[in-house]
Amino acid sequence: MDHAPSASLSIDDRLVVAATLDRIFYDDPDHFRREDALTVRRLIPHTRSSWLRLGFRAISQGPSVKGEAAGVGDVRMEGDKRVVEGNVGESTVWRCGQYKITNHDGDLEVWQVMSDEFAQDPKGARLEFGPTGEPERLTFFQPRDIELRIPFTSFAVGVRLGGWNYWKQAAPSAG
């Protein structure tokens, strides 16, 4: 869920951020330029985030009907699916080109616009900075799904735990 930004970000800044992220992600498979990471961090306003961030998605399926149709055979009609989503403790999200970016806790979290933690194939990355503010590495979102079935019922509870795996590191400083 996107929150309205508290400060403004010009269209020119948004274009620079989108082009810079494209370079970070796609130019070199093993490294990204430190200057690019610092540019994105400088342009995306820092926002406070709570110590706990949780997102949820609940899916419920309506009743299904099955029977027999003349000339067709067995027929099954599924009930309507209802999806409810929400989150707690989210930071301000900035839209820049095909990306949604959050600057919180010293790191930048980047998602493709049509993707999030709950997507079938989530496309998220995190630019991580060290204690001195220097860019260190880029990680990608790798979910871990757990499904708990309730015995003797048709109910299941799914839990998606987020994890970040290494992708590439900042290029060595020139000098």
N, C-alpha and C. Protein backbone atom coordinates (compact mmCIF):
# COMPACT_ATOMS: atom_id res chain seq x y z
N MET A 1 0.85 -1.16 0.00
CA MET A 1 0.00 0.00 0.00
C MET A 1 0.90 1.23 0.00
N ASP A 2 0.75 2.14 -0.95
CA ASP A 2 1.58 3.33 -1.04
C ASP A 2 1.01 4.42 -0.15
N HIS A 3 1.92 5.13 0.53
CA HIS A 3 1.52 6.27 1.34
C HIS A 3 1.86 7.53 0.57
N ALA A 4 1.11 8.61 0.79
CA ALA A 4 1.38 9.86 0.12
C ALA A 4 2.71 10.42 0.61
N PRO A 5 3.59 10.86 -0.29
CA PRO A 5 4.87 11.40 0.12
C PRO A 5 4.72 12.68 0.91
N SER A 6 5.59 12.86 1.91
CA SER A 6 5.53 14.06 2.72
C SER A 6 6.32 15.20 2.09
N ALA A 7 7.33 14.90 1.29
CA ALA A 7 8.09 15.90 0.58
C ALA A 7 7.92 15.62 -0.91
N SER A 8 8.32 16.58 -1.72
CA SER A 8 8.12 16.37 -3.16
C SER A 8 9.39 15.83 -3.79
N LEU A 9 9.21 15.16 -4.90
CA LEU A 9 10.31 14.63 -5.69
C LEU A 9 10.00 15.03 -7.12
N SER A 10 10.85 15.86 -7.72
CA SER A 10 10.55 16.39 -9.06
C SER A 10 10.56 15.28 -10.10
N ILE A 11 9.91 15.54 -11.21
CA ILE A 11 9.86 14.57 -12.29
C ILE A 11 11.26 14.31 -12.83
N ASP A 12 12.11 15.34 -12.88
CA ASP A 12 13.49 15.17 -13.33
C ASP A 12 14.25 14.23 -12.40
N ASP A 13 14.07 14.41 -11.08
CA ASP A 13 14.72 13.53 -10.11
C ASP A 13 14.23 12.10 -10.27
N ARG A 14 12.95 11.93 -10.52
CA ARG A 14 12.40 10.58 -10.70
C ARG A 14 13.00 9.90 -11.93
N LEU A 15 13.18 10.65 -13.01
CA LEU A 15 13.79 10.09 -14.22
C LEU A 15 15.25 9.71 -13.98
N VAL A 16 15.98 10.55 -13.25
CA VAL A 16 17.38 10.25 -12.92
C VAL A 16 17.46 8.99 -12.07
N VAL A 17 16.57 8.87 -11.08
CA VAL A 17 16.57 7.69 -10.21
C VAL A 17 16.28 6.43 -11.03
N ALA A 18 15.27 6.47 -11.90
CA ALA A 18 14.92 5.29 -12.70
C ALA A 18 16.09 4.87 -13.60
N ALA A 19 16.74 5.84 -14.27
CA ALA A 19 17.86 5.52 -15.15
C ALA A 19 19.05 4.99 -14.35
N THR A 20 19.28 5.56 -13.18
CA THR A 20 20.40 5.12 -12.34
C THR A 20 20.16 3.70 -11.83
N LEU A 21 18.92 3.39 -11.42
CA LEU A 21 18.61 2.03 -10.98
C LEU A 21 18.76 1.03 -12.12
N ASP A 22 18.38 1.42 -13.33
CA ASP A 22 18.59 0.54 -14.48
C ASP A 22 20.07 0.20 -14.63
N ARG A 23 20.95 1.21 -14.48
CA ARG A 23 22.40 0.96 -14.56
C ARG A 23 22.86 0.02 -13.45
N ILE A 24 22.39 0.28 -12.22
CA ILE A 24 22.79 -0.55 -11.08
C ILE A 24 22.38 -2.00 -11.31
N PHE A 25 21.17 -2.23 -11.77
CA PHE A 25 20.66 -3.59 -11.93
C PHE A 25 21.22 -4.31 -13.15
N TYR A 26 21.38 -3.60 -14.29
CA TYR A 26 21.62 -4.29 -15.55
C TYR A 26 22.98 -4.08 -16.21
N ASP A 27 23.78 -3.10 -15.81
CA ASP A 27 25.04 -2.84 -16.51
C ASP A 27 26.09 -3.93 -16.32
N ASP A 28 26.29 -4.39 -15.10
CA ASP A 28 27.36 -5.35 -14.81
C ASP A 28 26.75 -6.45 -13.92
N PRO A 29 26.98 -7.72 -14.24
CA PRO A 29 26.37 -8.79 -13.45
C PRO A 29 26.96 -8.95 -12.05
N ASP A 30 28.18 -8.42 -11.82
CA ASP A 30 28.86 -8.65 -10.54
C ASP A 30 29.03 -7.41 -9.66
N HIS A 31 28.98 -6.22 -10.27
CA HIS A 31 29.24 -4.98 -9.51
C HIS A 31 28.29 -3.87 -9.94
N PHE A 32 28.20 -2.86 -9.10
CA PHE A 32 27.50 -1.63 -9.45
C PHE A 32 28.38 -0.47 -9.00
N ARG A 33 28.20 0.68 -9.65
CA ARG A 33 29.02 1.86 -9.32
C ARG A 33 28.55 2.48 -8.01
N ARG A 34 29.52 2.78 -7.14
CA ARG A 34 29.22 3.41 -5.85
C ARG A 34 28.50 4.74 -6.05
N GLU A 35 28.95 5.50 -7.05
CA GLU A 35 28.37 6.83 -7.31
C GLU A 35 26.88 6.72 -7.64
N ASP A 36 26.51 5.66 -8.37
CA ASP A 36 25.11 5.46 -8.71
C ASP A 36 24.27 5.21 -7.45
N ALA A 37 24.75 4.35 -6.57
CA ALA A 37 24.03 4.06 -5.33
C ALA A 37 23.89 5.32 -4.47
N LEU A 38 24.95 6.10 -4.39
CA LEU A 38 24.91 7.34 -3.59
C LEU A 38 23.96 8.36 -4.21
N THR A 39 23.89 8.40 -5.54
CA THR A 39 22.96 9.32 -6.22
C THR A 39 21.51 8.97 -5.87
N VAL A 40 21.17 7.69 -5.96
CA VAL A 40 19.79 7.28 -5.65
C VAL A 40 19.47 7.59 -4.19
N ARG A 41 20.40 7.28 -3.30
CA ARG A 41 20.16 7.52 -1.87
C ARG A 41 19.99 9.01 -1.57
N ARG A 42 20.76 9.86 -2.27
CA ARG A 42 20.67 11.30 -2.06
C ARG A 42 19.33 11.85 -2.56
N LEU A 43 18.82 11.30 -3.67
CA LEU A 43 17.60 11.85 -4.27
C LEU A 43 16.31 11.35 -3.60
N ILE A 44 16.30 10.14 -3.05
CA ILE A 44 15.09 9.61 -2.42
C ILE A 44 15.06 10.07 -0.97
N PRO A 45 14.06 10.85 -0.58
CA PRO A 45 14.00 11.36 0.79
C PRO A 45 13.90 10.22 1.81
N HIS A 46 14.63 10.38 2.91
CA HIS A 46 14.59 9.40 4.01
C HIS A 46 13.29 9.58 4.77
N THR A 47 12.64 8.47 5.10
CA THR A 47 11.43 8.53 5.92
C THR A 47 11.59 7.57 7.09
N ARG A 48 10.92 7.89 8.14
CA ARG A 48 10.96 7.03 9.31
C ARG A 48 10.14 5.78 9.06
N SER A 49 10.63 4.68 9.58
CA SER A 49 9.85 3.45 9.53
C SER A 49 9.80 2.90 10.94
N SER A 50 8.74 2.19 11.22
CA SER A 50 8.60 1.64 12.56
C SER A 50 9.54 0.46 12.74
N TRP A 51 9.75 0.07 13.95
CA TRP A 51 10.67 -1.04 14.25
C TRP A 51 10.11 -2.37 13.78
N LEU A 52 8.80 -2.41 13.52
CA LEU A 52 8.17 -3.64 13.05
C LEU A 52 7.37 -3.33 11.79
N ARG A 53 7.67 -4.06 10.71
CA ARG A 53 6.93 -3.91 9.47
C ARG A 53 6.32 -5.27 9.13
N LEU A 54 5.02 -5.28 8.98
CA LEU A 54 4.31 -6.51 8.63
C LEU A 54 3.36 -6.25 7.47
N GLY A 55 3.30 -7.18 6.56
CA GLY A 55 2.32 -7.13 5.49
C GLY A 55 1.52 -8.41 5.52
N PHE A 56 0.28 -8.33 5.11
CA PHE A 56 -0.51 -9.56 5.09
C PHE A 56 -1.42 -9.58 3.87
N ARG A 57 -1.76 -10.79 3.49
CA ARG A 57 -2.72 -11.03 2.41
C ARG A 57 -3.55 -12.22 2.82
N ALA A 58 -4.85 -12.06 2.82
CA ALA A 58 -5.76 -13.16 3.14
C ALA A 58 -6.62 -13.44 1.91
N ILE A 59 -6.73 -14.71 1.57
CA ILE A 59 -7.53 -15.12 0.42
C ILE A 59 -8.59 -16.10 0.91
N SER A 60 -9.82 -15.80 0.57
CA SER A 60 -10.89 -16.73 0.92
C SER A 60 -11.62 -17.12 -0.36
N GLN A 61 -12.04 -18.35 -0.40
CA GLN A 61 -12.73 -18.89 -1.57
C GLN A 61 -14.17 -19.15 -1.18
N GLY A 62 -15.10 -18.69 -1.99
CA GLY A 62 -16.52 -18.96 -1.74
C GLY A 62 -16.84 -20.43 -1.96
N PRO A 63 -18.03 -20.82 -1.66
CA PRO A 63 -18.38 -22.24 -1.80
C PRO A 63 -18.37 -22.67 -3.27
N SER A 64 -18.04 -23.93 -3.48
CA SER A 64 -18.05 -24.46 -4.84
C SER A 64 -19.25 -25.40 -5.00
N VAL A 65 -19.63 -25.60 -6.26
CA VAL A 65 -20.77 -26.45 -6.56
C VAL A 65 -20.30 -27.47 -7.59
N LYS A 66 -20.67 -28.72 -7.38
CA LYS A 66 -20.33 -29.70 -8.40
C LYS A 66 -21.55 -30.54 -8.70
N GLY A 67 -21.58 -30.98 -9.92
CA GLY A 67 -22.73 -31.77 -10.35
C GLY A 67 -22.45 -32.37 -11.71
N GLU A 68 -23.53 -32.71 -12.38
CA GLU A 68 -23.41 -33.32 -13.69
C GLU A 68 -24.24 -32.52 -14.68
N ALA A 69 -23.65 -32.26 -15.85
CA ALA A 69 -24.36 -31.53 -16.88
C ALA A 69 -24.59 -32.45 -18.07
N ALA A 70 -25.79 -32.36 -18.64
CA ALA A 70 -26.15 -33.23 -19.76
C ALA A 70 -25.20 -33.00 -20.93
N GLY A 71 -24.66 -34.06 -21.46
CA GLY A 71 -23.78 -33.97 -22.61
C GLY A 71 -22.37 -33.51 -22.28
N VAL A 72 -22.10 -33.12 -21.02
CA VAL A 72 -20.78 -32.63 -20.64
C VAL A 72 -20.12 -33.57 -19.64
N GLY A 73 -20.89 -34.03 -18.70
CA GLY A 73 -20.34 -34.90 -17.64
C GLY A 73 -20.19 -34.13 -16.34
N ASP A 74 -19.20 -34.52 -15.57
CA ASP A 74 -18.97 -33.85 -14.28
C ASP A 74 -18.57 -32.40 -14.48
N VAL A 75 -19.20 -31.52 -13.69
CA VAL A 75 -18.92 -30.09 -13.75
C VAL A 75 -18.67 -29.59 -12.33
N ARG A 76 -17.70 -28.70 -12.20
CA ARG A 76 -17.43 -28.09 -10.90
C ARG A 76 -17.27 -26.59 -11.10
N MET A 77 -18.00 -25.81 -10.33
CA MET A 77 -17.92 -24.35 -10.40
C MET A 77 -17.39 -23.85 -9.07
N GLU A 78 -16.25 -23.14 -9.15
CA GLU A 78 -15.62 -22.60 -7.95
C GLU A 78 -16.31 -21.30 -7.54
N GLY A 79 -16.37 -21.06 -6.25
CA GLY A 79 -16.94 -19.82 -5.74
C GLY A 79 -15.98 -18.66 -5.97
N ASP A 80 -16.45 -17.45 -5.78
CA ASP A 80 -15.63 -16.26 -5.97
C ASP A 80 -14.50 -16.22 -4.96
N LYS A 81 -13.35 -15.72 -5.41
CA LYS A 81 -12.19 -15.57 -4.55
C LYS A 81 -12.14 -14.12 -4.05
N ARG A 82 -11.89 -13.95 -2.77
CA ARG A 82 -11.80 -12.61 -2.19
C ARG A 82 -10.41 -12.44 -1.58
N VAL A 83 -9.75 -11.32 -1.89
CA VAL A 83 -8.40 -11.05 -1.39
C VAL A 83 -8.43 -9.77 -0.56
N VAL A 84 -7.86 -9.85 0.64
CA VAL A 84 -7.74 -8.69 1.51
C VAL A 84 -6.25 -8.52 1.82
N GLU A 85 -5.73 -7.29 1.60
CA GLU A 85 -4.32 -7.00 1.86
C GLU A 85 -4.20 -5.82 2.80
N GLY A 86 -3.08 -5.77 3.49
CA GLY A 86 -2.81 -4.63 4.36
C GLY A 86 -1.40 -4.69 4.87
N ASN A 87 -0.98 -3.65 5.57
CA ASN A 87 0.34 -3.63 6.17
C ASN A 87 0.37 -2.72 7.37
N VAL A 88 1.39 -2.91 8.16
CA VAL A 88 1.60 -2.11 9.37
C VAL A 88 3.04 -1.65 9.36
N GLY A 89 3.26 -0.38 9.64
CA GLY A 89 4.62 0.13 9.77
C GLY A 89 5.35 0.42 8.48
N GLU A 90 4.64 0.58 7.37
CA GLU A 90 5.28 0.86 6.08
C GLU A 90 5.79 2.29 6.02
N SER A 91 6.86 2.49 5.29
CA SER A 91 7.43 3.81 5.05
C SER A 91 6.84 4.40 3.77
N THR A 92 7.16 5.66 3.50
CA THR A 92 6.73 6.31 2.27
C THR A 92 7.36 5.62 1.07
N VAL A 93 6.55 5.38 0.04
CA VAL A 93 7.02 4.72 -1.18
C VAL A 93 7.04 5.76 -2.29
N TRP A 94 8.16 5.85 -3.02
CA TRP A 94 8.33 6.79 -4.12
C TRP A 94 8.30 6.04 -5.44
N ARG A 95 7.52 6.51 -6.38
CA ARG A 95 7.41 5.89 -7.71
C ARG A 95 8.34 6.62 -8.65
N CYS A 96 9.28 5.89 -9.24
CA CYS A 96 10.24 6.44 -10.20
C CYS A 96 10.32 5.47 -11.37
N GLY A 97 9.68 5.81 -12.49
CA GLY A 97 9.67 4.92 -13.64
C GLY A 97 9.01 3.61 -13.29
N GLN A 98 9.69 2.49 -13.55
CA GLN A 98 9.12 1.17 -13.28
C GLN A 98 9.39 0.70 -11.84
N TYR A 99 9.89 1.60 -10.98
CA TYR A 99 10.29 1.21 -9.64
C TYR A 99 9.49 1.91 -8.55
N LYS A 100 9.34 1.22 -7.42
CA LYS A 100 8.82 1.79 -6.17
C LYS A 100 9.97 1.72 -5.18
N ILE A 101 10.34 2.86 -4.58
CA ILE A 101 11.53 2.91 -3.74
C ILE A 101 11.18 3.45 -2.37
N THR A 102 11.78 2.85 -1.34
CA THR A 102 11.65 3.30 0.04
C THR A 102 13.04 3.50 0.59
N ASN A 103 13.26 4.63 1.25
CA ASN A 103 14.55 4.92 1.89
C ASN A 103 14.31 4.90 3.39
N HIS A 104 14.70 3.80 4.02
CA HIS A 104 14.51 3.69 5.46
C HIS A 104 15.66 2.93 6.10
N ASP A 105 15.96 3.24 7.30
CA ASP A 105 16.98 2.55 8.08
C ASP A 105 18.33 2.47 7.36
N GLY A 106 18.65 3.47 6.56
CA GLY A 106 19.95 3.51 5.91
C GLY A 106 20.06 2.73 4.62
N ASP A 107 19.08 1.90 4.30
CA ASP A 107 19.10 1.12 3.07
C ASP A 107 17.94 1.55 2.17
N LEU A 108 18.06 1.23 0.88
CA LEU A 108 17.00 1.51 -0.09
C LEU A 108 16.36 0.21 -0.51
N GLU A 109 15.04 0.14 -0.41
CA GLU A 109 14.30 -1.04 -0.86
C GLU A 109 13.61 -0.67 -2.17
N VAL A 110 13.79 -1.51 -3.19
CA VAL A 110 13.30 -1.21 -4.54
C VAL A 110 12.46 -2.38 -5.03
N TRP A 111 11.27 -2.07 -5.54
CA TRP A 111 10.38 -3.09 -6.11
C TRP A 111 9.95 -2.64 -7.48
N GLN A 112 9.78 -3.60 -8.40
CA GLN A 112 9.16 -3.25 -9.67
C GLN A 112 7.70 -2.91 -9.38
N VAL A 113 7.13 -2.00 -10.16
CA VAL A 113 5.81 -1.46 -9.88
C VAL A 113 4.73 -2.53 -9.74
N MET A 114 4.71 -3.52 -10.60
CA MET A 114 3.65 -4.52 -10.56
C MET A 114 4.01 -5.72 -9.68
N SER A 115 5.00 -5.55 -8.80
CA SER A 115 5.44 -6.65 -7.95
C SER A 115 5.48 -6.20 -6.49
N ASP A 116 5.36 -7.15 -5.60
CA ASP A 116 5.53 -6.91 -4.16
C ASP A 116 5.87 -8.23 -3.50
N GLU A 117 5.95 -8.22 -2.18
CA GLU A 117 6.33 -9.43 -1.44
C GLU A 117 5.40 -10.61 -1.71
N PHE A 118 4.16 -10.34 -2.09
CA PHE A 118 3.17 -11.40 -2.26
C PHE A 118 3.04 -11.90 -3.69
N ALA A 119 3.76 -11.30 -4.62
CA ALA A 119 3.66 -11.69 -6.03
C ALA A 119 4.14 -13.13 -6.21
N GLN A 120 3.65 -13.78 -7.24
CA GLN A 120 4.07 -15.15 -7.54
C GLN A 120 5.57 -15.22 -7.74
N ASP A 121 6.12 -14.26 -8.47
CA ASP A 121 7.56 -14.18 -8.71
C ASP A 121 8.00 -12.76 -8.30
N PRO A 122 8.22 -12.52 -6.99
CA PRO A 122 8.49 -11.16 -6.52
C PRO A 122 9.80 -10.61 -7.07
N LYS A 123 9.78 -9.32 -7.44
CA LYS A 123 10.96 -8.66 -8.00
C LYS A 123 11.31 -7.46 -7.13
N GLY A 124 12.05 -7.75 -6.05
CA GLY A 124 12.49 -6.72 -5.13
C GLY A 124 13.98 -6.81 -4.90
N ALA A 125 14.59 -5.65 -4.62
CA ALA A 125 16.02 -5.59 -4.35
C ALA A 125 16.26 -4.60 -3.23
N ARG A 126 17.39 -4.73 -2.58
CA ARG A 126 17.76 -3.81 -1.51
C ARG A 126 19.20 -3.37 -1.73
N LEU A 127 19.39 -2.04 -1.79
CA LEU A 127 20.73 -1.46 -1.83
C LEU A 127 21.14 -1.26 -0.39
N GLU A 128 22.20 -1.94 0.03
CA GLU A 128 22.63 -1.89 1.43
C GLU A 128 23.88 -1.04 1.57
N PHE A 129 23.87 -0.19 2.60
CA PHE A 129 24.97 0.72 2.88
C PHE A 129 25.58 0.36 4.23
N GLY A 130 26.88 0.58 4.36
CA GLY A 130 27.58 0.28 5.60
C GLY A 130 27.41 1.37 6.63
N PRO A 131 28.01 1.19 7.81
CA PRO A 131 27.87 2.17 8.90
C PRO A 131 28.43 3.55 8.56
N THR A 132 29.36 3.62 7.61
CA THR A 132 29.92 4.92 7.21
C THR A 132 29.11 5.57 6.10
N GLY A 133 28.07 4.89 5.61
CA GLY A 133 27.25 5.44 4.53
C GLY A 133 27.71 5.05 3.15
N GLU A 134 28.74 4.22 3.07
CA GLU A 134 29.24 3.76 1.77
C GLU A 134 28.41 2.58 1.28
N PRO A 135 28.07 2.54 -0.02
CA PRO A 135 27.33 1.40 -0.56
C PRO A 135 28.18 0.13 -0.47
N GLU A 136 27.53 -0.98 -0.09
CA GLU A 136 28.27 -2.23 0.06
C GLU A 136 27.80 -3.31 -0.90
N ARG A 137 26.49 -3.58 -0.92
CA ARG A 137 26.01 -4.71 -1.72
C ARG A 137 24.56 -4.48 -2.16
N LEU A 138 24.18 -5.29 -3.13
CA LEU A 138 22.81 -5.32 -3.63
C LEU A 138 22.30 -6.73 -3.37
N THR A 139 21.14 -6.84 -2.75
CA THR A 139 20.54 -8.14 -2.48
C THR A 139 19.19 -8.21 -3.17
N PHE A 140 18.67 -9.42 -3.37
CA PHE A 140 17.36 -9.58 -3.99
C PHE A 140 16.44 -10.34 -3.02
N PHE A 141 15.14 -10.09 -3.17
CA PHE A 141 14.14 -10.71 -2.29
C PHE A 141 13.92 -12.15 -2.69
N GLN A 142 14.04 -13.04 -1.73
CA GLN A 142 13.80 -14.47 -1.94
C GLN A 142 12.85 -14.95 -0.85
N PRO A 143 11.57 -15.14 -1.20
CA PRO A 143 10.61 -15.55 -0.16
C PRO A 143 10.78 -17.01 0.24
N ARG A 144 10.35 -17.29 1.44
CA ARG A 144 10.27 -18.66 1.94
C ARG A 144 8.83 -18.87 2.37
N ASP A 145 8.13 -19.73 1.64
CA ASP A 145 6.71 -19.96 1.91
C ASP A 145 6.54 -21.20 2.79
N ILE A 146 5.65 -21.06 3.75
CA ILE A 146 5.30 -22.17 4.64
C ILE A 146 3.78 -22.29 4.62
N GLU A 147 3.28 -23.50 4.46
CA GLU A 147 1.83 -23.72 4.50
C GLU A 147 1.53 -24.69 5.63
N LEU A 148 0.65 -24.29 6.50
CA LEU A 148 0.24 -25.13 7.62
C LEU A 148 -1.20 -25.57 7.39
N ARG A 149 -1.40 -26.85 7.24
CA ARG A 149 -2.75 -27.40 7.03
C ARG A 149 -3.35 -27.76 8.38
N ILE A 150 -4.60 -27.43 8.54
CA ILE A 150 -5.32 -27.77 9.77
C ILE A 150 -5.93 -29.16 9.57
N PRO A 151 -5.51 -30.14 10.38
CA PRO A 151 -5.96 -31.51 10.17
C PRO A 151 -7.49 -31.65 10.19
N PHE A 152 -7.98 -32.52 9.34
CA PHE A 152 -9.40 -32.88 9.24
C PHE A 152 -10.29 -31.73 8.81
N THR A 153 -9.71 -30.70 8.20
CA THR A 153 -10.48 -29.58 7.65
C THR A 153 -9.92 -29.27 6.27
N SER A 154 -10.56 -28.36 5.57
CA SER A 154 -10.03 -27.91 4.29
C SER A 154 -9.27 -26.60 4.43
N PHE A 155 -8.95 -26.21 5.66
CA PHE A 155 -8.28 -24.92 5.90
C PHE A 155 -6.77 -25.08 5.91
N ALA A 156 -6.11 -24.05 5.39
CA ALA A 156 -4.65 -23.98 5.42
C ALA A 156 -4.26 -22.54 5.69
N VAL A 157 -3.16 -22.36 6.38
CA VAL A 157 -2.63 -21.03 6.65
C VAL A 157 -1.27 -20.96 5.99
N GLY A 158 -1.10 -19.98 5.14
CA GLY A 158 0.18 -19.78 4.46
C GLY A 158 0.92 -18.60 5.08
N VAL A 159 2.20 -18.76 5.24
CA VAL A 159 3.05 -17.70 5.78
C VAL A 159 4.21 -17.51 4.81
N ARG A 160 4.47 -16.27 4.43
CA ARG A 160 5.62 -15.96 3.58
C ARG A 160 6.61 -15.17 4.40
N LEU A 161 7.77 -15.75 4.57
CA LEU A 161 8.86 -15.08 5.28
C LEU A 161 9.79 -14.47 4.24
N GLY A 162 10.12 -13.21 4.44
CA GLY A 162 11.00 -12.55 3.50
C GLY A 162 12.46 -12.79 3.84
N GLY A 163 13.25 -12.92 2.83
CA GLY A 163 14.68 -13.06 3.01
C GLY A 163 15.39 -12.35 1.89
N TRP A 164 16.58 -11.88 2.14
CA TRP A 164 17.35 -11.15 1.13
C TRP A 164 18.63 -11.93 0.86
N ASN A 165 18.88 -12.27 -0.40
CA ASN A 165 20.05 -13.02 -0.81
C ASN A 165 20.99 -12.14 -1.61
N TYR A 166 22.27 -12.44 -1.51
CA TYR A 166 23.32 -11.67 -2.20
C TYR A 166 23.11 -11.69 -3.71
N TRP A 167 23.28 -10.52 -4.35
CA TRP A 167 23.21 -10.39 -5.80
C TRP A 167 24.55 -9.92 -6.35
N LYS A 168 24.99 -8.72 -5.92
CA LYS A 168 26.26 -8.17 -6.40
C LYS A 168 26.77 -7.15 -5.39
N GLN A 169 28.00 -6.72 -5.56
CA GLN A 169 28.58 -5.76 -4.62
C GLN A 169 29.01 -4.49 -5.32
N ALA A 170 29.28 -3.48 -4.52
CA ALA A 170 29.76 -2.21 -5.06
C ALA A 170 31.13 -2.41 -5.66
N ALA A 171 31.36 -1.75 -6.78
CA ALA A 171 32.67 -1.84 -7.44
C ALA A 171 33.73 -1.24 -6.53
N PRO A 172 34.94 -1.77 -6.59
CA PRO A 172 36.03 -1.20 -5.78
C PRO A 172 36.23 0.27 -6.12
N SER A 173 36.62 1.04 -5.12
CA SER A 173 36.88 2.47 -5.33
C SER A 173 38.05 2.64 -6.28
N ALA A 174 37.92 3.64 -7.14
CA ALA A 174 39.01 3.94 -8.08
C ALA A 174 40.04 4.79 -7.35
N GLY A 175 41.13 4.15 -6.95
CA GLY A 175 42.17 4.96 -6.30
C GLY A 175 42.91 4.26 -5.30
